[in-house]
Amino acid sequence: MAKPAEPVVVDEAAEVAPAGKSKKKLFVILGALGILLGGGGAAAWYFTQGSESHKEAEVEPVVVPVFLPLETFTVNLQDGEQYLQTDITLQVADQAQVDAIKLHMPRVRSRLLTLLSSKHAEELATAADKKKLAQEIQAQINLPFGAKGKPQQVDDVLFTTFVIQ
């Protein structure tokens, strides 16, 4: 039969104290290393995601404006002694809008001549007055050309000349 093992006496006080301190140091070092690695990885992910979305924003196609210059308008103003001569350019959404407006140009000119000839010189004196007139012109052109037609899409009205005499 086997001989019973002799009990091993270990000085627990001598081994536990140094091992406890080294284990604590090891846990602190490993914990700090884990936090640094985890934080560094999270920061790297955040910055690479931010730069990719920034690159996507820069890649958006540039929308080229489409302009349609109209023939010169010359109208008598309501004062009776003064007239307005102006050149107008429309900024529209796309070439389809240009084609639709050109197709209905007599209607466009009629609407604008009626609007412009209804004004007094004092109503067109300041920059704010001209801006208001541009909005009124835009509203007139955006009206549908037919009874069941859809409205045009004029984005801006630009005066290239504006003379009151």
Protein backbone atom coordinates (compact mmCIF):
# COMPACT_ATOMS: atom_id res chain seq x y z
CA MET A 1 0.00 0.00 0.00
CA ALA A 2 0.97 3.55 -0.50
CA LYS A 3 2.48 5.46 2.23
CA PRO A 4 0.41 8.42 3.42
CA ALA A 5 1.73 11.76 2.28
CA GLU A 6 3.36 13.89 4.82
CA PRO A 7 1.69 17.16 5.44
CA VAL A 8 3.53 20.12 3.96
CA VAL A 9 3.80 23.08 6.25
CA VAL A 10 3.73 26.36 4.46
CA ASP A 11 4.49 29.65 6.03
CA GLU A 12 1.35 31.41 4.82
CA ALA A 13 2.29 34.80 6.17
CA ALA A 14 5.53 34.87 4.18
CA GLU A 15 3.93 33.90 0.85
CA VAL A 16 0.56 35.68 0.98
CA ALA A 17 1.84 39.17 1.67
CA PRO A 18 4.25 39.43 -1.27
CA ALA A 19 1.90 37.55 -3.64
CA GLY A 20 -1.04 39.84 -2.70
CA LYS A 21 0.93 42.99 -3.51
CA SER A 22 2.16 41.64 -6.84
CA LYS A 23 -1.35 40.46 -7.76
CA LYS A 24 -2.75 43.91 -6.98
CA LYS A 25 -0.06 45.54 -9.10
CA LEU A 26 -0.73 43.05 -11.87
CA PHE A 27 -4.48 43.73 -11.78
CA VAL A 28 -3.92 47.50 -11.77
CA ILE A 29 -1.49 47.29 -14.69
CA LEU A 30 -3.74 44.94 -16.67
CA GLY A 31 -6.78 47.09 -15.91
CA ALA A 32 -5.02 50.27 -17.00
CA LEU A 33 -3.73 48.54 -20.12
CA GLY A 34 -7.25 47.30 -20.94
CA ILE A 35 -8.71 50.78 -20.48
CA LEU A 36 -6.03 52.33 -22.68
CA LEU A 37 -6.45 49.73 -25.41
CA GLY A 38 -10.24 49.92 -25.27
CA GLY A 39 -10.24 53.73 -25.25
CA GLY A 40 -7.69 53.87 -28.06
CA GLY A 41 -9.72 51.45 -30.16
CA ALA A 42 -12.92 53.41 -29.54
CA ALA A 43 -11.19 56.69 -30.41
CA ALA A 44 -9.74 55.18 -33.61
CA TRP A 45 -13.19 53.92 -34.62
CA TYR A 46 -14.80 57.30 -33.86
CA PHE A 47 -12.27 59.29 -35.87
CA THR A 48 -12.31 56.95 -38.85
CA GLN A 49 -16.12 57.01 -38.93
CA GLY A 50 -16.15 60.80 -38.70
CA SER A 51 -13.67 61.19 -41.55
CA GLU A 52 -15.61 58.78 -43.80
CA SER A 53 -18.86 60.68 -43.32
CA HIS A 54 -16.98 63.93 -43.90
CA LYS A 55 -15.59 62.52 -47.16
CA GLU A 56 -19.10 61.50 -48.24
CA ALA A 57 -20.35 65.03 -47.58
CA GLU A 58 -17.58 66.45 -49.77
CA VAL A 59 -18.46 64.07 -52.62
CA GLU A 60 -22.01 65.43 -53.04
CA PRO A 61 -22.51 66.57 -56.62
CA VAL A 62 -22.45 70.28 -57.25
CA VAL A 63 -25.77 71.50 -58.61
CA VAL A 64 -25.16 73.81 -61.55
CA PRO A 65 -27.70 76.64 -61.64
CA VAL A 66 -29.85 76.97 -64.74
CA PHE A 67 -30.59 80.53 -65.87
CA LEU A 68 -33.14 81.79 -68.38
CA PRO A 69 -32.73 85.43 -69.46
CA LEU A 70 -35.95 87.09 -70.61
CA GLU A 71 -36.24 89.80 -73.23
CA THR A 72 -36.22 93.42 -72.02
CA PHE A 73 -39.42 94.74 -70.45
CA THR A 74 -40.37 98.38 -71.01
CA VAL A 75 -43.61 99.55 -69.37
CA ASN A 76 -45.33 102.81 -68.46
CA LEU A 77 -45.68 103.12 -64.72
CA GLN A 78 -48.92 104.22 -63.00
CA ASP A 79 -47.56 107.76 -62.56
CA GLY A 80 -48.13 108.27 -66.29
CA GLU A 81 -44.93 110.27 -66.80
CA GLN A 82 -42.36 107.61 -65.94
CA TYR A 83 -41.52 104.24 -67.38
CA LEU A 84 -39.58 101.20 -66.25
CA GLN A 85 -37.09 99.36 -68.39
CA THR A 86 -35.71 96.15 -66.91
CA ASP A 87 -33.96 92.94 -67.89
CA ILE A 88 -34.89 89.88 -65.87
CA THR A 89 -33.11 86.54 -65.58
CA LEU A 90 -34.83 83.56 -63.98
CA GLN A 91 -33.02 80.86 -62.05
CA VAL A 92 -34.92 77.60 -62.50
CA ALA A 93 -34.58 74.04 -61.25
CA ASP A 94 -33.61 72.32 -64.49
CA GLN A 95 -33.74 72.34 -68.26
CA ALA A 96 -37.31 70.99 -68.24
CA GLN A 97 -38.40 74.21 -66.49
CA VAL A 98 -36.59 76.29 -69.11
CA ASP A 99 -38.41 74.41 -71.88
CA ALA A 100 -41.82 74.82 -70.21
CA ILE A 101 -41.34 78.55 -69.67
CA LYS A 102 -40.09 79.08 -73.24
CA LEU A 103 -43.09 77.17 -74.58
CA HIS A 104 -45.42 79.51 -72.70
CA MET A 105 -43.38 82.71 -73.12
CA PRO A 106 -46.31 84.83 -74.41
CA ARG A 107 -48.26 84.01 -71.22
CA VAL A 108 -45.17 84.74 -69.05
CA ARG A 109 -44.58 88.12 -70.73
CA SER A 110 -48.26 89.04 -70.43
CA ARG A 111 -48.30 88.27 -66.71
CA LEU A 112 -45.12 90.25 -66.11
CA LEU A 113 -46.16 93.25 -68.24
CA THR A 114 -49.43 93.43 -66.31
CA LEU A 115 -47.61 93.24 -62.98
CA LEU A 116 -44.88 95.76 -63.86
CA SER A 117 -47.26 98.33 -65.38
CA SER A 118 -49.39 98.26 -62.21
CA LYS A 119 -46.54 99.77 -60.14
CA HIS A 120 -45.78 103.36 -59.13
CA ALA A 121 -42.19 104.65 -59.26
CA GLU A 122 -42.21 105.13 -55.45
CA GLU A 123 -42.99 101.41 -55.03
CA LEU A 124 -39.75 100.50 -56.81
CA ALA A 125 -37.30 102.94 -55.23
CA THR A 126 -35.52 100.90 -52.54
CA ALA A 127 -33.71 97.56 -52.54
CA ALA A 128 -36.49 96.12 -50.37
CA ASP A 129 -39.03 97.26 -52.98
CA LYS A 130 -37.09 95.49 -55.74
CA LYS A 131 -36.84 92.34 -53.63
CA LYS A 132 -40.62 92.43 -53.10
CA LEU A 133 -41.13 92.89 -56.85
CA ALA A 134 -38.85 89.91 -57.55
CA GLN A 135 -40.99 87.78 -55.21
CA GLU A 136 -44.16 88.93 -56.99
CA ILE A 137 -42.62 88.08 -60.38
CA GLN A 138 -41.60 84.65 -59.08
CA ALA A 139 -45.14 84.03 -57.83
CA GLN A 140 -46.61 85.03 -61.21
CA ILE A 141 -44.31 82.75 -63.19
CA ASN A 142 -44.76 79.84 -60.79
CA LEU A 143 -48.53 79.83 -61.44
CA PRO A 144 -49.58 76.89 -63.62
CA PHE A 145 -49.93 77.71 -67.31
CA GLY A 146 -53.01 75.53 -67.78
CA ALA A 147 -56.15 74.91 -65.74
CA LYS A 148 -54.95 71.50 -64.58
CA GLY A 149 -51.23 72.11 -65.08
CA LYS A 150 -48.61 71.92 -62.40
CA PRO A 151 -46.74 75.02 -61.20
CA GLN A 152 -43.30 75.94 -62.50
CA GLN A 153 -40.28 75.90 -60.24
CA VAL A 154 -38.54 79.27 -60.43
CA ASP A 155 -35.94 79.46 -57.67
CA ASP A 156 -34.92 83.11 -58.05
CA VAL A 157 -35.61 86.26 -60.04
CA LEU A 158 -32.61 88.43 -60.87
CA PHE A 159 -32.71 91.96 -62.26
CA THR A 160 -29.80 92.52 -64.65
CA THR A 161 -30.89 96.07 -65.51
CA PHE A 162 -33.43 98.28 -63.76
CA VAL A 163 -34.03 101.82 -65.02
CA ILE A 164 -36.86 104.19 -64.13
CA GLN A 165 -37.11 107.40 -66.18
